[in-house]
Amino acid sequence: MIRNVVVGVLRDEATPDEARTALAALAALRVEGVSYEMHTGLDLGLREGNASYAITADFADEEAYRVYDADEEHNRIRRELFAPISASIHRIQFRI
């Protein structure tokens, strides 16, 4: 199984509502032929210096992740909803 973790920091001018909208769009995404479990959320502010939001998604294997990663709608959401509001985005995929 492959876990994809994404951690982002919002730009100063971005709002939590914009982040919620982007996270909801991603959570609602369905990629044909790929099943996965996704969790998204905004930082609770329990520790200073944290990132603003996080996304985790678990995939059966590398191929499933690659299909998801290349999906046209997934990339539209990245480009149109996340890129404009994010100062930084970091990703990692690892085997679980």
N, C-alpha and C. Protein backbone atom coordinates (compact mmCIF):
# COMPACT_ATOMS: atom_id res chain seq x y z
N MET A 1 0.84 -1.17 0.00
CA MET A 1 0.00 0.00 0.00
C MET A 1 0.89 1.24 0.00
N ILE A 2 0.46 2.26 -0.69
CA ILE A 2 1.19 3.53 -0.79
C ILE A 2 0.40 4.62 -0.09
N ARG A 3 1.07 5.34 0.80
CA ARG A 3 0.44 6.51 1.44
C ARG A 3 1.05 7.77 0.83
N ASN A 4 0.18 8.65 0.37
CA ASN A 4 0.57 9.96 -0.15
C ASN A 4 0.22 10.99 0.93
N VAL A 5 1.20 11.80 1.31
CA VAL A 5 0.98 12.84 2.31
C VAL A 5 1.35 14.17 1.68
N VAL A 6 0.44 15.13 1.79
CA VAL A 6 0.65 16.48 1.27
C VAL A 6 0.46 17.45 2.43
N VAL A 7 1.42 18.37 2.60
CA VAL A 7 1.35 19.37 3.65
C VAL A 7 1.56 20.73 3.00
N GLY A 8 0.64 21.66 3.25
CA GLY A 8 0.73 22.97 2.61
C GLY A 8 0.64 24.11 3.60
N VAL A 9 1.23 25.22 3.19
CA VAL A 9 1.17 26.46 3.96
C VAL A 9 0.45 27.49 3.11
N LEU A 10 -0.55 28.13 3.69
CA LEU A 10 -1.31 29.14 2.96
C LEU A 10 -0.52 30.43 2.81
N ARG A 11 -0.78 31.12 1.71
CA ARG A 11 -0.25 32.47 1.53
C ARG A 11 -0.90 33.37 2.58
N ASP A 12 -0.25 34.46 2.91
CA ASP A 12 -0.78 35.38 3.91
C ASP A 12 -2.17 35.89 3.57
N GLU A 13 -2.44 36.10 2.28
CA GLU A 13 -3.72 36.67 1.86
C GLU A 13 -4.81 35.62 1.67
N ALA A 14 -4.48 34.36 1.75
CA ALA A 14 -5.46 33.28 1.57
C ALA A 14 -6.28 33.11 2.84
N THR A 15 -7.51 32.67 2.66
CA THR A 15 -8.41 32.49 3.80
C THR A 15 -8.64 31.01 4.09
N PRO A 16 -9.00 30.69 5.32
CA PRO A 16 -9.35 29.31 5.64
C PRO A 16 -10.51 28.80 4.78
N ASP A 17 -11.45 29.66 4.43
CA ASP A 17 -12.57 29.23 3.57
C ASP A 17 -12.08 28.81 2.19
N GLU A 18 -11.10 29.50 1.65
CA GLU A 18 -10.53 29.09 0.36
C GLU A 18 -9.87 27.72 0.49
N ALA A 19 -9.19 27.50 1.59
CA ALA A 19 -8.56 26.20 1.82
C ALA A 19 -9.61 25.12 1.99
N ARG A 20 -10.68 25.42 2.72
CA ARG A 20 -11.77 24.44 2.88
C ARG A 20 -12.38 24.07 1.54
N THR A 21 -12.56 25.07 0.69
CA THR A 21 -13.12 24.82 -0.65
C THR A 21 -12.20 23.90 -1.45
N ALA A 22 -10.91 24.16 -1.43
CA ALA A 22 -9.95 23.32 -2.16
C ALA A 22 -9.92 21.91 -1.59
N LEU A 23 -9.90 21.79 -0.29
CA LEU A 23 -9.87 20.47 0.34
C LEU A 23 -11.14 19.69 0.05
N ALA A 24 -12.28 20.36 0.06
CA ALA A 24 -13.55 19.69 -0.24
C ALA A 24 -13.59 19.20 -1.68
N ALA A 25 -13.06 20.00 -2.59
CA ALA A 25 -13.02 19.59 -4.01
C ALA A 25 -12.17 18.34 -4.17
N LEU A 26 -11.05 18.31 -3.49
CA LEU A 26 -10.17 17.15 -3.58
C LEU A 26 -10.82 15.92 -2.93
N ALA A 27 -11.44 16.11 -1.79
CA ALA A 27 -12.09 15.01 -1.09
C ALA A 27 -13.24 14.41 -1.91
N ALA A 28 -13.88 15.23 -2.72
CA ALA A 28 -15.00 14.77 -3.54
C ALA A 28 -14.54 14.11 -4.85
N LEU A 29 -13.27 14.26 -5.18
CA LEU A 29 -12.73 13.73 -6.44
C LEU A 29 -12.83 12.21 -6.48
N ARG A 30 -13.30 11.69 -7.60
CA ARG A 30 -13.31 10.25 -7.87
C ARG A 30 -12.55 10.03 -9.16
N VAL A 31 -11.57 9.14 -9.11
CA VAL A 31 -10.76 8.83 -10.28
C VAL A 31 -11.18 7.45 -10.77
N GLU A 32 -11.61 7.40 -12.00
CA GLU A 32 -12.12 6.15 -12.58
C GLU A 32 -11.07 5.04 -12.48
N GLY A 33 -11.52 3.90 -11.94
CA GLY A 33 -10.65 2.74 -11.86
C GLY A 33 -9.69 2.72 -10.69
N VAL A 34 -9.73 3.75 -9.84
CA VAL A 34 -8.80 3.82 -8.71
C VAL A 34 -9.61 3.99 -7.42
N SER A 35 -9.38 3.11 -6.47
CA SER A 35 -10.00 3.30 -5.17
C SER A 35 -8.92 3.73 -4.18
N TYR A 36 -9.29 4.62 -3.31
CA TYR A 36 -8.34 5.14 -2.32
C TYR A 36 -9.12 5.73 -1.17
N GLU A 37 -8.44 5.85 -0.05
CA GLU A 37 -9.02 6.47 1.13
C GLU A 37 -8.28 7.77 1.39
N MET A 38 -9.03 8.86 1.50
CA MET A 38 -8.42 10.17 1.67
C MET A 38 -8.94 10.85 2.93
N HIS A 39 -8.04 11.59 3.57
CA HIS A 39 -8.40 12.42 4.72
C HIS A 39 -7.78 13.79 4.49
N THR A 40 -8.53 14.84 4.80
CA THR A 40 -8.04 16.20 4.62
C THR A 40 -8.39 17.03 5.86
N GLY A 41 -7.63 18.08 6.11
CA GLY A 41 -7.98 18.95 7.22
C GLY A 41 -7.10 20.17 7.33
N LEU A 42 -7.67 21.18 7.98
CA LEU A 42 -6.93 22.40 8.31
C LEU A 42 -6.25 22.19 9.66
N ASP A 43 -5.13 22.85 9.85
CA ASP A 43 -4.40 22.77 11.11
C ASP A 43 -5.26 23.31 12.24
N LEU A 44 -5.20 22.65 13.38
CA LEU A 44 -5.98 23.05 14.55
C LEU A 44 -5.32 24.15 15.36
N GLY A 45 -4.08 24.48 15.02
CA GLY A 45 -3.39 25.55 15.74
C GLY A 45 -2.91 25.15 17.12
N LEU A 46 -2.67 23.86 17.31
CA LEU A 46 -2.24 23.39 18.62
C LEU A 46 -0.77 23.64 18.89
N ARG A 47 -0.02 23.93 17.83
CA ARG A 47 1.40 24.21 17.99
C ARG A 47 1.81 25.29 17.00
N GLU A 48 2.55 26.27 17.47
CA GLU A 48 3.01 27.36 16.61
C GLU A 48 3.96 26.84 15.54
N GLY A 49 3.84 27.39 14.35
CA GLY A 49 4.75 27.03 13.26
C GLY A 49 4.28 25.88 12.40
N ASN A 50 3.10 25.32 12.68
CA ASN A 50 2.58 24.22 11.88
C ASN A 50 2.24 24.68 10.47
N ALA A 51 2.10 23.71 9.59
CA ALA A 51 1.58 23.97 8.25
C ALA A 51 0.10 24.33 8.37
N SER A 52 -0.52 24.74 7.28
CA SER A 52 -1.91 25.18 7.28
C SER A 52 -2.91 24.07 7.03
N TYR A 53 -2.53 23.11 6.17
CA TYR A 53 -3.45 22.02 5.84
C TYR A 53 -2.66 20.77 5.50
N ALA A 54 -3.38 19.64 5.57
CA ALA A 54 -2.75 18.37 5.21
C ALA A 54 -3.76 17.49 4.49
N ILE A 55 -3.21 16.61 3.66
CA ILE A 55 -4.00 15.63 2.91
C ILE A 55 -3.26 14.31 3.00
N THR A 56 -3.98 13.24 3.30
CA THR A 56 -3.40 11.91 3.20
C THR A 56 -4.31 11.07 2.31
N ALA A 57 -3.70 10.21 1.52
CA ALA A 57 -4.47 9.30 0.67
C ALA A 57 -3.70 7.99 0.58
N ASP A 58 -4.43 6.89 0.75
CA ASP A 58 -3.84 5.57 0.69
C ASP A 58 -4.29 4.86 -0.59
N PHE A 59 -3.32 4.31 -1.32
CA PHE A 59 -3.55 3.64 -2.60
C PHE A 59 -3.05 2.21 -2.51
N ALA A 60 -3.65 1.33 -3.29
CA ALA A 60 -3.27 -0.09 -3.27
C ALA A 60 -1.82 -0.29 -3.68
N ASP A 61 -1.36 0.48 -4.66
CA ASP A 61 0.00 0.27 -5.18
C ASP A 61 0.47 1.51 -5.93
N GLU A 62 1.69 1.45 -6.44
CA GLU A 62 2.28 2.59 -7.15
C GLU A 62 1.48 2.97 -8.40
N GLU A 63 0.99 1.98 -9.11
CA GLU A 63 0.22 2.25 -10.33
C GLU A 63 -1.04 3.03 -10.01
N ALA A 64 -1.75 2.65 -8.96
CA ALA A 64 -2.96 3.37 -8.56
C ALA A 64 -2.63 4.82 -8.23
N TYR A 65 -1.53 5.03 -7.50
CA TYR A 65 -1.11 6.40 -7.19
C TYR A 65 -0.81 7.17 -8.47
N ARG A 66 -0.10 6.56 -9.40
CA ARG A 66 0.28 7.25 -10.64
C ARG A 66 -0.94 7.63 -11.47
N VAL A 67 -1.94 6.77 -11.52
CA VAL A 67 -3.17 7.09 -12.24
C VAL A 67 -3.86 8.29 -11.59
N TYR A 68 -3.97 8.26 -10.26
CA TYR A 68 -4.55 9.39 -9.52
C TYR A 68 -3.75 10.67 -9.76
N ASP A 69 -2.43 10.58 -9.67
CA ASP A 69 -1.56 11.74 -9.81
C ASP A 69 -1.68 12.38 -11.20
N ALA A 70 -1.93 11.57 -12.22
CA ALA A 70 -2.02 12.07 -13.59
C ALA A 70 -3.43 12.48 -13.98
N ASP A 71 -4.41 12.23 -13.14
CA ASP A 71 -5.80 12.51 -13.48
C ASP A 71 -6.01 13.99 -13.81
N GLU A 72 -6.74 14.25 -14.90
CA GLU A 72 -6.95 15.62 -15.38
C GLU A 72 -7.67 16.50 -14.36
N GLU A 73 -8.73 15.99 -13.74
CA GLU A 73 -9.47 16.79 -12.76
C GLU A 73 -8.62 17.02 -11.50
N HIS A 74 -7.88 16.03 -11.09
CA HIS A 74 -6.98 16.19 -9.94
C HIS A 74 -6.00 17.33 -10.20
N ASN A 75 -5.44 17.35 -11.39
CA ASN A 75 -4.47 18.39 -11.72
C ASN A 75 -5.12 19.76 -11.89
N ARG A 76 -6.37 19.79 -12.32
CA ARG A 76 -7.11 21.07 -12.38
C ARG A 76 -7.30 21.61 -10.97
N ILE A 77 -7.69 20.75 -10.04
CA ILE A 77 -7.87 21.18 -8.64
C ILE A 77 -6.56 21.70 -8.08
N ARG A 78 -5.47 21.01 -8.33
CA ARG A 78 -4.15 21.49 -7.89
C ARG A 78 -3.86 22.88 -8.44
N ARG A 79 -4.02 22.99 -9.75
CA ARG A 79 -3.65 24.22 -10.47
C ARG A 79 -4.55 25.40 -10.11
N GLU A 80 -5.86 25.17 -10.08
CA GLU A 80 -6.81 26.28 -9.93
C GLU A 80 -7.20 26.58 -8.49
N LEU A 81 -7.15 25.59 -7.61
CA LEU A 81 -7.60 25.81 -6.23
C LEU A 81 -6.46 25.86 -5.22
N PHE A 82 -5.48 24.97 -5.36
CA PHE A 82 -4.40 24.94 -4.38
C PHE A 82 -3.25 25.90 -4.72
N ALA A 83 -2.81 25.93 -5.94
CA ALA A 83 -1.65 26.76 -6.30
C ALA A 83 -1.86 28.24 -5.95
N PRO A 84 -3.02 28.83 -6.24
CA PRO A 84 -3.18 30.26 -5.94
C PRO A 84 -3.18 30.62 -4.45
N ILE A 85 -3.51 29.66 -3.60
CA ILE A 85 -3.62 29.99 -2.16
C ILE A 85 -2.44 29.48 -1.34
N SER A 86 -1.54 28.72 -1.94
CA SER A 86 -0.47 28.06 -1.19
C SER A 86 0.88 28.74 -1.38
N ALA A 87 1.54 29.03 -0.28
CA ALA A 87 2.91 29.56 -0.33
C ALA A 87 3.88 28.42 -0.56
N SER A 88 3.57 27.25 -0.02
CA SER A 88 4.40 26.06 -0.24
C SER A 88 3.55 24.81 -0.11
N ILE A 89 3.95 23.79 -0.85
CA ILE A 89 3.30 22.48 -0.79
C ILE A 89 4.41 21.44 -0.83
N HIS A 90 4.38 20.51 0.12
CA HIS A 90 5.36 19.43 0.15
C HIS A 90 4.62 18.10 0.10
N ARG A 91 5.20 17.15 -0.61
CA ARG A 91 4.58 15.84 -0.77
C ARG A 91 5.59 14.74 -0.47
N ILE A 92 5.06 13.61 -0.04
CA ILE A 92 5.87 12.39 0.11
C ILE A 92 4.95 11.20 -0.11
N GLN A 93 5.49 10.17 -0.75
CA GLN A 93 4.78 8.92 -0.89
C GLN A 93 5.68 7.84 -0.27
N PHE A 94 5.07 6.98 0.55
CA PHE A 94 5.85 5.91 1.15
C PHE A 94 4.98 4.66 1.30
N ARG A 95 5.65 3.54 1.43
CA ARG A 95 4.97 2.26 1.55
C ARG A 95 4.55 2.03 3.00
N ILE A 96 3.31 1.56 3.17
CA ILE A 96 2.83 1.21 4.51
C ILE A 96 2.41 -0.25 4.53
